[in-house]
């Protein structure tokens, strides 16, 4: 499972071994026990990656194989591309710009996206 964290300071990707359902259930229980609001809804999320990073060529070569998992791959300019995924949004409310996005992809794609993210010396916000 990939977890994308959106904050006012930036963006972070984590690769988690826990199942999507178990992780979301734990977050809902935590919110209930803490008495905080939590919106959980199907959604899409996007992030930018630099085109000059290792493994990006591998992603681009195999993008057709990931067509059922990646909603879109859009080239933004000569330096970056946008990857759009489908999954579950968890935030304080529907319109929140800060929150967590989780999605379950094939092991190969999760690993590839996480490797690309890890190789990025400067995270693109």
PDB file of N, CA and C in Angstrom:
ATOM      1  N   UNK A   1       0.847  -1.164   0.000  1.00  0.00           N
ATOM      2  CA  UNK A   1       0.000   0.000   0.000  1.00  0.00           C
ATOM      3  C   UNK A   1       0.898   1.234   0.000  1.00  0.00           C
ATOM      4  N   UNK A   2       0.485   2.247  -0.750  1.00  0.00           N
ATOM      5  CA  UNK A   2       1.173   3.531  -0.712  1.00  0.00           C
ATOM      6  C   UNK A   2       0.337   4.510   0.091  1.00  0.00           C
ATOM      7  N   UNK A   3       1.013   5.295   0.921  1.00  0.00           N
ATOM      8  CA  UNK A   3       0.362   6.349   1.690  1.00  0.00           C
ATOM      9  C   UNK A   3       0.994   7.666   1.268  1.00  0.00           C
ATOM     10  N   UNK A   4       0.174   8.568   0.776  1.00  0.00           N
ATOM     11  CA  UNK A   4       0.630   9.890   0.378  1.00  0.00           C
ATOM     12  C   UNK A   4       0.129  10.880   1.416  1.00  0.00           C
ATOM     13  N   UNK A   5       1.028  11.602   2.030  1.00  0.00           N
ATOM     14  CA  UNK A   5       0.681  12.558   3.074  1.00  0.00           C
ATOM     15  C   UNK A   5       0.813  13.964   2.513  1.00  0.00           C
ATOM     16  N   UNK A   6      -0.280  14.706   2.554  1.00  0.00           N
ATOM     17  CA  UNK A   6      -0.300  16.092   2.078  1.00  0.00           C
ATOM     18  C   UNK A   6      -0.409  17.015   3.285  1.00  0.00           C
ATOM     19  N   UNK A   7       0.564  17.915   3.444  1.00  0.00           N
ATOM     20  CA  UNK A   7       0.534  18.888   4.523  1.00  0.00           C
ATOM     21  C   UNK A   7       0.744  20.279   3.940  1.00  0.00           C
ATOM     22  N   UNK A   8       0.609  21.301   4.773  1.00  0.00           N
ATOM     23  CA  UNK A   8       0.834  22.658   4.282  1.00  0.00           C
ATOM     24  C   UNK A   8       2.311  22.885   3.952  1.00  0.00           C
ATOM     25  N   UNK A   9       3.202  22.031   4.476  1.00  0.00           N
ATOM     26  CA  UNK A   9       4.632  22.154   4.211  1.00  0.00           C
ATOM     27  C   UNK A   9       5.110  21.338   3.019  1.00  0.00           C
ATOM     28  N   UNK A  10       4.306  20.406   2.534  1.00  0.00           N
ATOM     29  CA  UNK A  10       4.765  19.591   1.419  1.00  0.00           C
ATOM     30  C   UNK A  10       4.031  18.279   1.294  1.00  0.00           C
ATOM     31  N   UNK A  11       4.759  17.294   0.837  1.00  0.00           N
ATOM     32  CA  UNK A  11       4.183  16.037   0.416  1.00  0.00           C
ATOM     33  C   UNK A  11       5.179  14.915   0.703  1.00  0.00           C
ATOM     34  N   UNK A  12       4.674  13.748   1.089  1.00  0.00           N
ATOM     35  CA  UNK A  12       5.535  12.608   1.423  1.00  0.00           C
ATOM     36  C   UNK A  12       4.863  11.316   0.985  1.00  0.00           C
ATOM     37  N   UNK A  13       5.654  10.372   0.494  1.00  0.00           N
ATOM     38  CA  UNK A  13       5.135   9.042   0.147  1.00  0.00           C
ATOM     39  C   UNK A  13       5.766   8.024   1.092  1.00  0.00           C
ATOM     40  N   UNK A  14       4.932   7.117   1.593  1.00  0.00           N
ATOM     41  CA  UNK A  14       5.401   5.989   2.396  1.00  0.00           C
ATOM     42  C   UNK A  14       4.895   4.706   1.767  1.00  0.00           C
ATOM     43  N   UNK A  15       5.685   3.661   1.855  1.00  0.00           N
ATOM     44  CA  UNK A  15       5.278   2.334   1.388  1.00  0.00           C
ATOM     45  C   UNK A  15       5.028   1.485   2.617  1.00  0.00           C
ATOM     46  N   UNK A  16       3.795   1.022   2.793  1.00  0.00           N
ATOM     47  CA  UNK A  16       3.416   0.260   3.983  1.00  0.00           C
ATOM     48  C   UNK A  16       3.046  -1.163   3.603  1.00  0.00           C
ATOM     49  N   UNK A  17       3.392  -2.108   4.449  1.00  0.00           N
ATOM     50  CA  UNK A  17       3.071  -3.518   4.208  1.00  0.00           C
ATOM     51  C   UNK A  17       1.654  -3.874   4.663  1.00  0.00           C
ATOM     52  N   UNK A  18       1.074  -3.056   5.518  1.00  0.00           N
ATOM     53  CA  UNK A  18      -0.260  -3.312   6.058  1.00  0.00           C
ATOM     54  C   UNK A  18      -1.305  -3.228   4.945  1.00  0.00           C
ATOM     55  N   UNK A  19      -2.379  -3.998   5.075  1.00  0.00           N
ATOM     56  CA  UNK A  19      -3.429  -3.945   4.061  1.00  0.00           C
ATOM     57  C   UNK A  19      -4.169  -2.609   4.154  1.00  0.00           C
ATOM     58  N   UNK A  20      -4.689  -2.181   3.040  1.00  0.00           N
ATOM     59  CA  UNK A  20      -5.431  -0.926   2.969  1.00  0.00           C
ATOM     60  C   UNK A  20      -6.595  -0.922   3.954  1.00  0.00           C
ATOM     61  N   UNK A  21      -7.359  -1.998   3.967  1.00  0.00           N
ATOM     62  CA  UNK A  21      -8.531  -2.079   4.835  1.00  0.00           C
ATOM     63  C   UNK A  21      -8.159  -2.012   6.313  1.00  0.00           C
ATOM     64  N   UNK A  22      -7.118  -2.732   6.705  1.00  0.00           N
ATOM     65  CA  UNK A  22      -6.689  -2.726   8.112  1.00  0.00           C
ATOM     66  C   UNK A  22      -6.183  -1.346   8.509  1.00  0.00           C
ATOM     67  N   UNK A  23      -5.431  -0.697   7.624  1.00  0.00           N
ATOM     68  CA  UNK A  23      -4.878   0.613   7.949  1.00  0.00           C
ATOM     69  C   UNK A  23      -5.990   1.651   8.087  1.00  0.00           C
ATOM     70  N   UNK A  24      -6.952   1.658   7.151  1.00  0.00           N
ATOM     71  CA  UNK A  24      -8.063   2.620   7.222  1.00  0.00           C
ATOM     72  C   UNK A  24      -8.899   2.362   8.467  1.00  0.00           C
ATOM     73  N   UNK A  25      -9.158   1.111   8.778  1.00  0.00           N
ATOM     74  CA  UNK A  25      -9.924   0.764   9.974  1.00  0.00           C
ATOM     75  C   UNK A  25      -9.246   1.303  11.235  1.00  0.00           C
ATOM     76  N   UNK A  26      -7.939   1.139  11.323  1.00  0.00           N
ATOM     77  CA  UNK A  26      -7.192   1.645  12.477  1.00  0.00           C
ATOM     78  C   UNK A  26      -7.312   3.159  12.577  1.00  0.00           C
ATOM     79  N   UNK A  27      -7.225   3.869  11.452  1.00  0.00           N
ATOM     80  CA  UNK A  27      -7.337   5.334  11.455  1.00  0.00           C
ATOM     81  C   UNK A  27      -8.733   5.782  11.887  1.00  0.00           C
ATOM     82  N   UNK A  28      -9.759   5.078  11.448  1.00  0.00           N
ATOM     83  CA  UNK A  28     -11.135   5.422  11.828  1.00  0.00           C
ATOM     84  C   UNK A  28     -11.320   5.212  13.328  1.00  0.00           C
ATOM     85  N   UNK A  29     -10.845   4.095  13.850  1.00  0.00           N
ATOM     86  CA  UNK A  29     -10.954   3.823  15.288  1.00  0.00           C
ATOM     87  C   UNK A  29     -10.202   4.880  16.086  1.00  0.00           C
ATOM     88  N   UNK A  30      -9.025   5.262  15.631  1.00  0.00           N
ATOM     89  CA  UNK A  30      -8.250   6.302  16.296  1.00  0.00           C
ATOM     90  C   UNK A  30      -9.020   7.620  16.333  1.00  0.00           C
ATOM     91  N   UNK A  31      -9.625   8.002  15.210  1.00  0.00           N
ATOM     92  CA  UNK A  31     -10.410   9.241  15.165  1.00  0.00           C
ATOM     93  C   UNK A  31     -11.606   9.167  16.101  1.00  0.00           C
ATOM     94  N   UNK A  32     -12.275   8.022  16.142  1.00  0.00           N
ATOM     95  CA  UNK A  32     -13.420   7.855  17.049  1.00  0.00           C
ATOM     96  C   UNK A  32     -12.994   7.989  18.502  1.00  0.00           C
ATOM     97  N   UNK A  33     -11.922   7.349  18.864  1.00  0.00           N
ATOM     98  CA  UNK A  33     -11.451   7.396  20.250  1.00  0.00           C
ATOM     99  C   UNK A  33     -10.931   8.773  20.638  1.00  0.00           C
ATOM    100  N   UNK A  34     -10.374   9.484  19.665  1.00  0.00           N
ATOM    101  CA  UNK A  34      -9.845  10.827  19.940  1.00  0.00           C
ATOM    102  C   UNK A  34     -10.934  11.896  19.834  1.00  0.00           C
ATOM    103  N   UNK A  35     -12.087  11.519  19.316  1.00  0.00           N
ATOM    104  CA  UNK A  35     -13.185  12.477  19.174  1.00  0.00           C
ATOM    105  C   UNK A  35     -12.925  13.525  18.100  1.00  0.00           C
ATOM    106  N   UNK A  36     -12.201  13.138  17.052  1.00  0.00           N
ATOM    107  CA  UNK A  36     -11.911  14.078  15.970  1.00  0.00           C
ATOM    108  C   UNK A  36     -12.690  13.706  14.710  1.00  0.00           C
ATOM    109  N   UNK A  37     -12.924  14.690  13.884  1.00  0.00           N
ATOM    110  CA  UNK A  37     -13.614  14.459  12.621  1.00  0.00           C
ATOM    111  C   UNK A  37     -12.689  13.755  11.641  1.00  0.00           C
ATOM    112  N   UNK A  38     -13.257  12.873  10.854  1.00  0.00           N
ATOM    113  CA  UNK A  38     -12.499  12.193   9.819  1.00  0.00           C
ATOM    114  C   UNK A  38     -13.416  11.891   8.651  1.00  0.00           C
ATOM    115  N   UNK A  39     -13.059  12.410   7.509  1.00  0.00           N
ATOM    116  CA  UNK A  39     -13.786  12.137   6.279  1.00  0.00           C
ATOM    117  C   UNK A  39     -13.022  11.061   5.525  1.00  0.00           C
ATOM    118  N   UNK A  40     -13.692   9.991   5.149  1.00  0.00           N
ATOM    119  CA  UNK A  40     -13.082   8.907   4.380  1.00  0.00           C
ATOM    120  C   UNK A  40     -13.910   8.744   3.120  1.00  0.00           C
ATOM    121  N   UNK A  41     -13.254   8.943   1.955  1.00  0.00           N
ATOM    122  CA  UNK A  41     -14.013   8.843   0.710  1.00  0.00           C
ATOM    123  C   UNK A  41     -13.122   8.407  -0.443  1.00  0.00           C
ATOM    124  N   UNK A  42     -13.728   7.722  -1.424  1.00  0.00           N
ATOM    125  CA  UNK A  42     -12.968   7.380  -2.634  1.00  0.00           C
ATOM    126  C   UNK A  42     -12.555   8.673  -3.332  1.00  0.00           C
ATOM    127  N   UNK A  43     -11.353   8.683  -3.864  1.00  0.00           N
ATOM    128  CA  UNK A  43     -10.847   9.909  -4.466  1.00  0.00           C
ATOM    129  C   UNK A  43      -9.685   9.590  -5.392  1.00  0.00           C
ATOM    130  N   UNK A  44      -9.152  10.624  -5.983  1.00  0.00           N
ATOM    131  CA  UNK A  44      -7.908  10.497  -6.732  1.00  0.00           C
ATOM    132  C   UNK A  44      -6.922  11.507  -6.163  1.00  0.00           C
ATOM    133  N   UNK A  45      -5.650  11.232  -6.364  1.00  0.00           N
ATOM    134  CA  UNK A  45      -4.599  12.132  -5.888  1.00  0.00           C
ATOM    135  C   UNK A  45      -3.500  12.171  -6.931  1.00  0.00           C
ATOM    136  N   UNK A  46      -2.791  13.271  -6.957  1.00  0.00           N
ATOM    137  CA  UNK A  46      -1.696  13.384  -7.914  1.00  0.00           C
ATOM    138  C   UNK A  46      -0.458  13.921  -7.228  1.00  0.00           C
ATOM    139  N   UNK A  47       0.673  13.644  -7.840  1.00  0.00           N
ATOM    140  CA  UNK A  47       1.938  14.165  -7.355  1.00  0.00           C
ATOM    141  C   UNK A  47       2.880  14.297  -8.532  1.00  0.00           C
ATOM    142  N   UNK A  48       3.878  15.151  -8.363  1.00  0.00           N
ATOM    143  CA  UNK A  48       4.860  15.393  -9.408  1.00  0.00           C
ATOM    144  C   UNK A  48       6.143  14.633  -9.108  1.00  0.00           C
ATOM    145  N   UNK A  49       6.768  14.137 -10.173  1.00  0.00           N
ATOM    146  CA  UNK A  49       8.091  13.547 -10.044  1.00  0.00           C
ATOM    147  C   UNK A  49       8.986  14.129 -11.136  1.00  0.00           C
ATOM    148  N   UNK A  50      10.237  14.262 -10.806  1.00  0.00           N
ATOM    149  CA  UNK A  50      11.221  14.793 -11.738  1.00  0.00           C
ATOM    150  C   UNK A  50      11.543  13.749 -12.797  1.00  0.00           C
ATOM    151  N   UNK A  51      11.654  14.181 -14.047  1.00  0.00           N
ATOM    152  CA  UNK A  51      11.930  13.260 -15.150  1.00  0.00           C
ATOM    153  C   UNK A  51      13.366  12.749 -15.172  1.00  0.00           C
ATOM    154  N   UNK A  52      14.258  13.399 -14.463  1.00  0.00           N
ATOM    155  CA  UNK A  52      15.663  12.983 -14.506  1.00  0.00           C
ATOM    156  C   UNK A  52      16.049  11.994 -13.410  1.00  0.00           C
ATOM    157  N   UNK A  53      15.089  11.467 -12.687  1.00  0.00           N
ATOM    158  CA  UNK A  53      15.373  10.519 -11.608  1.00  0.00           C
ATOM    159  C   UNK A  53      15.541   9.098 -12.145  1.00  0.00           C
ATOM    160  N   UNK A  54      16.322   8.273 -11.425  1.00  0.00           N
ATOM    161  CA  UNK A  54      16.408   6.859 -11.792  1.00  0.00           C
ATOM    162  C   UNK A  54      15.018   6.223 -11.719  1.00  0.00           C
ATOM    163  N   UNK A  55      14.786   5.244 -12.535  1.00  0.00           N
ATOM    164  CA  UNK A  55      13.556   4.449 -12.584  1.00  0.00           C
ATOM    165  C   UNK A  55      12.397   5.146 -13.296  1.00  0.00           C
ATOM    166  N   UNK A  56      12.493   6.439 -13.593  1.00  0.00           N
ATOM    167  CA  UNK A  56      11.399   7.113 -14.298  1.00  0.00           C
ATOM    168  C   UNK A  56      11.260   6.552 -15.705  1.00  0.00           C
ATOM    169  N   UNK A  57      12.385   6.289 -16.377  1.00  0.00           N
ATOM    170  CA  UNK A  57      12.321   5.690 -17.707  1.00  0.00           C
ATOM    171  C   UNK A  57      11.624   4.338 -17.663  1.00  0.00           C
ATOM    172  N   UNK A  58      11.903   3.571 -16.611  1.00  0.00           N
ATOM    173  CA  UNK A  58      11.253   2.269 -16.453  1.00  0.00           C
ATOM    174  C   UNK A  58       9.738   2.439 -16.286  1.00  0.00           C
ATOM    175  N   UNK A  59       9.330   3.423 -15.530  1.00  0.00           N
ATOM    176  CA  UNK A  59       7.902   3.696 -15.353  1.00  0.00           C
ATOM    177  C   UNK A  59       7.273   4.090 -16.690  1.00  0.00           C
ATOM    178  N   UNK A  60       7.925   4.968 -17.423  1.00  0.00           N
ATOM    179  CA  UNK A  60       7.380   5.430 -18.699  1.00  0.00           C
ATOM    180  C   UNK A  60       7.318   4.308 -19.733  1.00  0.00           C
ATOM    181  N   UNK A  61       8.323   3.433 -19.745  1.00  0.00           N
ATOM    182  CA  UNK A  61       8.328   2.304 -20.686  1.00  0.00           C
ATOM    183  C   UNK A  61       7.190   1.338 -20.394  1.00  0.00           C
ATOM    184  N   UNK A  62       6.842   1.185 -19.127  1.00  0.00           N
ATOM    185  CA  UNK A  62       5.842   0.195 -18.717  1.00  0.00           C
ATOM    186  C   UNK A  62       4.496   0.799 -18.353  1.00  0.00           C
ATOM    187  N   UNK A  63       4.285   2.068 -18.673  1.00  0.00           N
ATOM    188  CA  UNK A  63       3.062   2.739 -18.243  1.00  0.00           C
ATOM    189  C   UNK A  63       1.804   2.044 -18.779  1.00  0.00           C
ATOM    190  N   UNK A  64       1.879   1.452 -19.969  1.00  0.00           N
ATOM    191  CA  UNK A  64       0.717   0.738 -20.513  1.00  0.00           C
ATOM    192  C   UNK A  64       0.370  -0.484 -19.671  1.00  0.00           C
ATOM    193  N   UNK A  65       1.376  -1.117 -19.076  1.00  0.00           N
ATOM    194  CA  UNK A  65       1.129  -2.278 -18.222  1.00  0.00           C
ATOM    195  C   UNK A  65       0.434  -1.886 -16.923  1.00  0.00           C
ATOM    196  N   UNK A  66       0.564  -0.624 -16.545  1.00  0.00           N
ATOM    197  CA  UNK A  66      -0.037  -0.137 -15.308  1.00  0.00           C
ATOM    198  C   UNK A  66      -1.332   0.641 -15.571  1.00  0.00           C
ATOM    199  N   UNK A  67      -1.891   0.515 -16.764  1.00  0.00           N
ATOM    200  CA  UNK A  67      -3.052   1.318 -17.171  1.00  0.00           C
ATOM    201  C   UNK A  67      -4.256   1.144 -16.242  1.00  0.00           C
ATOM    202  N   UNK A  68      -4.411  -0.020 -15.655  1.00  0.00           N
ATOM    203  CA  UNK A  68      -5.551  -0.238 -14.757  1.00  0.00           C
ATOM    204  C   UNK A  68      -5.313   0.332 -13.367  1.00  0.00           C
ATOM    205  N   UNK A  69      -4.078   0.720 -13.066  1.00  0.00           N
ATOM    206  CA  UNK A  69      -3.733   1.208 -11.736  1.00  0.00           C
ATOM    207  C   UNK A  69      -3.470   2.705 -11.692  1.00  0.00           C
ATOM    208  N   UNK A  70      -2.885   3.225 -12.755  1.00  0.00           N
ATOM    209  CA  UNK A  70      -2.586   4.655 -12.827  1.00  0.00           C
ATOM    210  C   UNK A  70      -3.668   5.306 -13.674  1.00  0.00           C
ATOM    211  N   UNK A  71      -4.337   6.315 -13.126  1.00  0.00           N
ATOM    212  CA  UNK A  71      -5.366   7.002 -13.901  1.00  0.00           C
ATOM    213  C   UNK A  71      -4.758   7.787 -15.049  1.00  0.00           C
ATOM    214  N   UNK A  72      -3.682   8.521 -14.746  1.00  0.00           N
ATOM    215  CA  UNK A  72      -3.045   9.342 -15.764  1.00  0.00           C
ATOM    216  C   UNK A  72      -1.569   9.537 -15.455  1.00  0.00           C
ATOM    217  N   UNK A  73      -0.793   9.734 -16.508  1.00  0.00           N
ATOM    218  CA  UNK A  73       0.579  10.204 -16.412  1.00  0.00           C
ATOM    219  C   UNK A  73       0.667  11.368 -17.389  1.00  0.00           C
ATOM    220  N   UNK A  74       0.886  12.557 -16.858  1.00  0.00           N
ATOM    221  CA  UNK A  74       0.912  13.764 -17.683  1.00  0.00           C
ATOM    222  C   UNK A  74       2.275  14.428 -17.588  1.00  0.00           C
ATOM    223  N   UNK A  75       2.852  14.700 -18.714  1.00  0.00           N
ATOM    224  CA  UNK A  75       4.114  15.445 -18.728  1.00  0.00           C
ATOM    225  C   UNK A  75       3.783  16.916 -18.527  1.00  0.00           C
ATOM    226  N   UNK A  76       4.373  17.526 -17.512  1.00  0.00           N
ATOM    227  CA  UNK A  76       4.098  18.924 -17.184  1.00  0.00           C
ATOM    228  C   UNK A  76       4.979  19.874 -17.981  1.00  0.00           C
ATOM    229  N   UNK A  77       6.253  19.539 -18.049  1.00  0.00           N
ATOM    230  CA  UNK A  77       7.230  20.353 -18.770  1.00  0.00           C
ATOM    231  C   UNK A  77       8.443  19.479 -19.032  1.00  0.00           C
ATOM    232  N   UNK A  78       9.590  20.079 -19.321  1.00  0.00           N
ATOM    233  CA  UNK A  78      10.801  19.308 -19.600  1.00  0.00           C
ATOM    234  C   UNK A  78      11.403  18.670 -18.362  1.00  0.00           C
ATOM    235  N   UNK A  79      10.921  19.058 -17.188  1.00  0.00           N
ATOM    236  CA  UNK A  79      11.544  18.588 -15.951  1.00  0.00           C
ATOM    237  C   UNK A  79      10.684  17.669 -15.095  1.00  0.00           C
ATOM    238  N   UNK A  80       9.365  17.699 -15.269  1.00  0.00           N
ATOM    239  CA  UNK A  80       8.505  16.944 -14.348  1.00  0.00           C
ATOM    240  C   UNK A  80       7.296  16.339 -15.051  1.00  0.00           C
ATOM    241  N   UNK A  81       6.757  15.314 -14.395  1.00  0.00           N
ATOM    242  CA  UNK A  81       5.499  14.729 -14.846  1.00  0.00           C
ATOM    243  C   UNK A  81       4.605  14.501 -13.632  1.00  0.00           C
ATOM    244  N   UNK A  82       3.315  14.464 -13.904  1.00  0.00           N
ATOM    245  CA  UNK A  82       2.307  14.254 -12.868  1.00  0.00           C
ATOM    246  C   UNK A  82       1.802  12.817 -12.962  1.00  0.00           C
ATOM    247  N   UNK A  83       1.697  12.157 -11.818  1.00  0.00           N
ATOM    248  CA  UNK A  83       1.129  10.816 -11.738  1.00  0.00           C
ATOM    249  C   UNK A  83      -0.169  10.931 -10.957  1.00  0.00           C
ATOM    250  N   UNK A  84      -1.256  10.406 -11.517  1.00  0.00           N
ATOM    251  CA  UNK A  84      -2.570  10.476 -10.882  1.00  0.00           C
ATOM    252  C   UNK A  84      -3.014   9.058 -10.520  1.00  0.00           C
ATOM    253  N   UNK A  85      -3.346   8.858  -9.251  1.00  0.00           N
ATOM    254  CA  UNK A  85      -3.757   7.550  -8.740  1.00  0.00           C
ATOM    255  C   UNK A  85      -5.172   7.611  -8.184  1.00  0.00           C
ATOM    256  N   UNK A  86      -5.804   6.459  -8.103  1.00  0.00           N
ATOM    257  CA  UNK A  86      -7.142   6.347  -7.520  1.00  0.00           C
ATOM    258  C   UNK A  86      -7.035   5.576  -6.208  1.00  0.00           C
ATOM    259  N   UNK A  87      -7.739   6.061  -5.184  1.00  0.00           N
ATOM    260  CA  UNK A  87      -7.674   5.394  -3.888  1.00  0.00           C
ATOM    261  C   UNK A  87      -8.655   5.995  -2.909  1.00  0.00           C
ATOM    262  N   UNK A  88      -8.218   6.174  -1.664  1.00  0.00           N
ATOM    263  CA  UNK A  88      -9.078   6.654  -0.583  1.00  0.00           C
ATOM    264  C   UNK A  88      -8.436   7.866   0.077  1.00  0.00           C
ATOM    265  N   UNK A  89      -9.230   8.923   0.250  1.00  0.00           N
ATOM    266  CA  UNK A  89      -8.788  10.158   0.891  1.00  0.00           C
ATOM    267  C   UNK A  89      -9.275  10.162   2.334  1.00  0.00           C
ATOM    268  N   UNK A  90      -8.391  10.521   3.271  1.00  0.00           N
ATOM    269  CA  UNK A  90      -8.751  10.681   4.673  1.00  0.00           C
ATOM    270  C   UNK A  90      -8.319  12.071   5.093  1.00  0.00           C
ATOM    271  N   UNK A  91      -9.285  12.876   5.485  1.00  0.00           N
ATOM    272  CA  UNK A  91      -8.985  14.238   5.901  1.00  0.00           C
ATOM    273  C   UNK A  91      -9.997  14.722   6.912  1.00  0.00           C
ATOM    274  N   UNK A  92      -9.789  15.919   7.412  1.00  0.00           N
ATOM    275  CA  UNK A  92     -10.691  16.489   8.410  1.00  0.00           C
ATOM    276  C   UNK A  92     -12.082  16.723   7.824  1.00  0.00           C
ATOM    277  N   UNK A  93     -12.126  17.073   6.538  1.00  0.00           N
ATOM    278  CA  UNK A  93     -13.404  17.227   5.850  1.00  0.00           C
ATOM    279  C   UNK A  93     -13.177  17.029   4.359  1.00  0.00           C
ATOM    280  N   UNK A  94     -14.256  17.053   3.596  1.00  0.00           N
ATOM    281  CA  UNK A  94     -14.186  16.779   2.163  1.00  0.00           C
ATOM    282  C   UNK A  94     -13.279  17.770   1.435  1.00  0.00           C
ATOM    283  N   UNK A  95     -13.309  19.021   1.817  1.00  0.00           N
ATOM    284  CA  UNK A  95     -12.562  20.062   1.111  1.00  0.00           C
ATOM    285  C   UNK A  95     -11.155  20.281   1.666  1.00  0.00           C
ATOM    286  N   UNK A  96     -10.739  19.488   2.617  1.00  0.00           N
ATOM    287  CA  UNK A  96      -9.429  19.668   3.248  1.00  0.00           C
ATOM    288  C   UNK A  96      -8.297  19.487   2.240  1.00  0.00           C
ATOM    289  N   UNK A  97      -7.342  20.392   2.291  1.00  0.00           N
ATOM    290  CA  UNK A  97      -6.160  20.283   1.432  1.00  0.00           C
ATOM    291  C   UNK A  97      -5.048  19.487   2.112  1.00  0.00           C
ATOM    292  N   UNK A  98      -5.200  19.242   3.394  1.00  0.00           N
ATOM    293  CA  UNK A  98      -4.243  18.436   4.140  1.00  0.00           C
ATOM    294  C   UNK A  98      -4.908  17.127   4.526  1.00  0.00           C
ATOM    295  N   UNK A  99      -4.168  16.049   4.382  1.00  0.00           N
ATOM    296  CA  UNK A  99      -4.718  14.754   4.737  1.00  0.00           C
ATOM    297  C   UNK A  99      -3.867  13.636   4.194  1.00  0.00           C
ATOM    298  N   UNK A 100      -4.454  12.461   4.195  1.00  0.00           N
ATOM    299  CA  UNK A 100      -3.769  11.256   3.753  1.00  0.00           C
ATOM    300  C   UNK A 100      -4.524  10.622   2.602  1.00  0.00           C
ATOM    301  N   UNK A 101      -3.787  10.131   1.650  1.00  0.00           N
ATOM    302  CA  UNK A 101      -4.358   9.402   0.535  1.00  0.00           C
ATOM    303  C   UNK A 101      -3.689   8.040   0.525  1.00  0.00           C
ATOM    304  N   UNK A 102      -4.475   6.979   0.493  1.00  0.00           N
ATOM    305  CA  UNK A 102      -3.923   5.632   0.471  1.00  0.00           C
ATOM    306  C   UNK A 102      -4.467   4.880  -0.727  1.00  0.00           C
ATOM    307  N   UNK A 103      -3.614   4.032  -1.292  1.00  0.00           N
ATOM    308  CA  UNK A 103      -4.050   3.231  -2.432  1.00  0.00           C
ATOM    309  C   UNK A 103      -3.287   1.917  -2.459  1.00  0.00           C
ATOM    310  N   UNK A 104      -3.915   0.926  -2.992  1.00  0.00           N
ATOM    311  CA  UNK A 104      -3.297  -0.391  -3.150  1.00  0.00           C
ATOM    312  C   UNK A 104      -3.059  -0.595  -4.631  1.00  0.00           C
ATOM    313  N   UNK A 105      -1.796  -0.799  -4.990  1.00  0.00           N
ATOM    314  CA  UNK A 105      -1.399  -1.045  -6.365  1.00  0.00           C
ATOM    315  C   UNK A 105      -0.668  -2.375  -6.417  1.00  0.00           C
ATOM    316  N   UNK A 106      -0.277  -2.793  -7.590  1.00  0.00           N
ATOM    317  CA  UNK A 106       0.530  -4.007  -7.679  1.00  0.00           C
ATOM    318  C   UNK A 106       1.842  -3.777  -6.939  1.00  0.00           C
ATOM    319  N   UNK A 107       2.410  -4.837  -6.428  1.00  0.00           N
ATOM    320  CA  UNK A 107       3.678  -4.722  -5.698  1.00  0.00           C
ATOM    321  C   UNK A 107       4.744  -4.053  -6.561  1.00  0.00           C
ATOM    322  N   UNK A 108       4.771  -4.399  -7.827  1.00  0.00           N
ATOM    323  CA  UNK A 108       5.767  -3.844  -8.745  1.00  0.00           C
ATOM    324  C   UNK A 108       5.621  -2.335  -8.901  1.00  0.00           C
ATOM    325  N   UNK A 109       4.388  -1.868  -9.092  1.00  0.00           N
ATOM    326  CA  UNK A 109       4.164  -0.440  -9.274  1.00  0.00           C
ATOM    327  C   UNK A 109       4.400   0.318  -7.976  1.00  0.00           C
ATOM    328  N   UNK A 110       3.932  -0.208  -6.863  1.00  0.00           N
ATOM    329  CA  UNK A 110       4.187   0.451  -5.572  1.00  0.00           C
ATOM    330  C   UNK A 110       5.685   0.609  -5.342  1.00  0.00           C
ATOM    331  N   UNK A 111       6.420  -0.453  -5.581  1.00  0.00           N
ATOM    332  CA  UNK A 111       7.865  -0.417  -5.382  1.00  0.00           C
ATOM    333  C   UNK A 111       8.528   0.585  -6.312  1.00  0.00           C
ATOM    334  N   UNK A 112       8.111   0.616  -7.556  1.00  0.00           N
ATOM    335  CA  UNK A 112       8.693   1.529  -8.533  1.00  0.00           C
ATOM    336  C   UNK A 112       8.423   2.988  -8.166  1.00  0.00           C
ATOM    337  N   UNK A 113       7.187   3.322  -7.814  1.00  0.00           N
ATOM    338  CA  UNK A 113       6.862   4.693  -7.430  1.00  0.00           C
ATOM    339  C   UNK A 113       7.594   5.098  -6.146  1.00  0.00           C
ATOM    340  N   UNK A 114       7.683   4.176  -5.211  1.00  0.00           N
ATOM    341  CA  UNK A 114       8.391   4.485  -3.969  1.00  0.00           C
ATOM    342  C   UNK A 114       9.889   4.679  -4.218  1.00  0.00           C
ATOM    343  N   UNK A 115      10.471   3.853  -5.080  1.00  0.00           N
ATOM    344  CA  UNK A 115      11.891   4.008  -5.413  1.00  0.00           C
ATOM    345  C   UNK A 115      12.144   5.365  -6.067  1.00  0.00           C
ATOM    346  N   UNK A 116      11.281   5.742  -6.983  1.00  0.00           N
ATOM    347  CA  UNK A 116      11.422   7.041  -7.645  1.00  0.00           C
ATOM    348  C   UNK A 116      11.371   8.150  -6.598  1.00  0.00           C
ATOM    349  N   UNK A 117      10.402   8.065  -5.698  1.00  0.00           N
ATOM    350  CA  UNK A 117      10.265   9.077  -4.648  1.00  0.00           C
ATOM    351  C   UNK A 117      11.507   9.134  -3.764  1.00  0.00           C
ATOM    352  N   UNK A 118      12.015   7.960  -3.383  1.00  0.00           N
ATOM    353  CA  UNK A 118      13.199   7.907  -2.508  1.00  0.00           C
ATOM    354  C   UNK A 118      14.436   8.506  -3.178  1.00  0.00           C
ATOM    355  N   UNK A 119      14.538   8.399  -4.478  1.00  0.00           N
ATOM    356  CA  UNK A 119      15.691   8.905  -5.211  1.00  0.00           C
ATOM    357  C   UNK A 119      15.660  10.415  -5.398  1.00  0.00           C
ATOM    358  N   UNK A 120      14.517  11.024  -5.156  1.00  0.00           N
ATOM    359  CA  UNK A 120      14.371  12.453  -5.370  1.00  0.00           C
ATOM    360  C   UNK A 120      15.123  13.235  -4.304  1.00  0.00           C
ATOM    361  N   UNK A 121      16.176  13.974  -4.677  1.00  0.00           N
ATOM    362  CA  UNK A 121      16.923  14.739  -3.684  1.00  0.00           C
ATOM    363  C   UNK A 121      16.114  15.902  -3.116  1.00  0.00           C
ATOM    364  N   UNK A 122      15.271  16.458  -3.943  1.00  0.00           N
ATOM    365  CA  UNK A 122      14.395  17.555  -3.517  1.00  0.00           C
ATOM    366  C   UNK A 122      12.987  17.136  -3.860  1.00  0.00           C
ATOM    367  N   UNK A 123      12.137  17.071  -2.866  1.00  0.00           N
ATOM    368  CA  UNK A 123      10.761  16.678  -3.094  1.00  0.00           C
ATOM    369  C   UNK A 123      10.010  17.809  -3.775  1.00  0.00           C
ATOM    370  N   UNK A 124       9.280  17.466  -4.840  1.00  0.00           N
ATOM    371  CA  UNK A 124       8.517  18.472  -5.590  1.00  0.00           C
ATOM    372  C   UNK A 124       7.168  18.633  -4.920  1.00  0.00           C
ATOM    373  N   UNK A 125       6.803  19.849  -4.599  1.00  0.00           N
ATOM    374  CA  UNK A 125       5.513  20.128  -3.967  1.00  0.00           C
ATOM    375  C   UNK A 125       4.554  20.712  -4.961  1.00  0.00           C
TER     376      UNK A 125
END
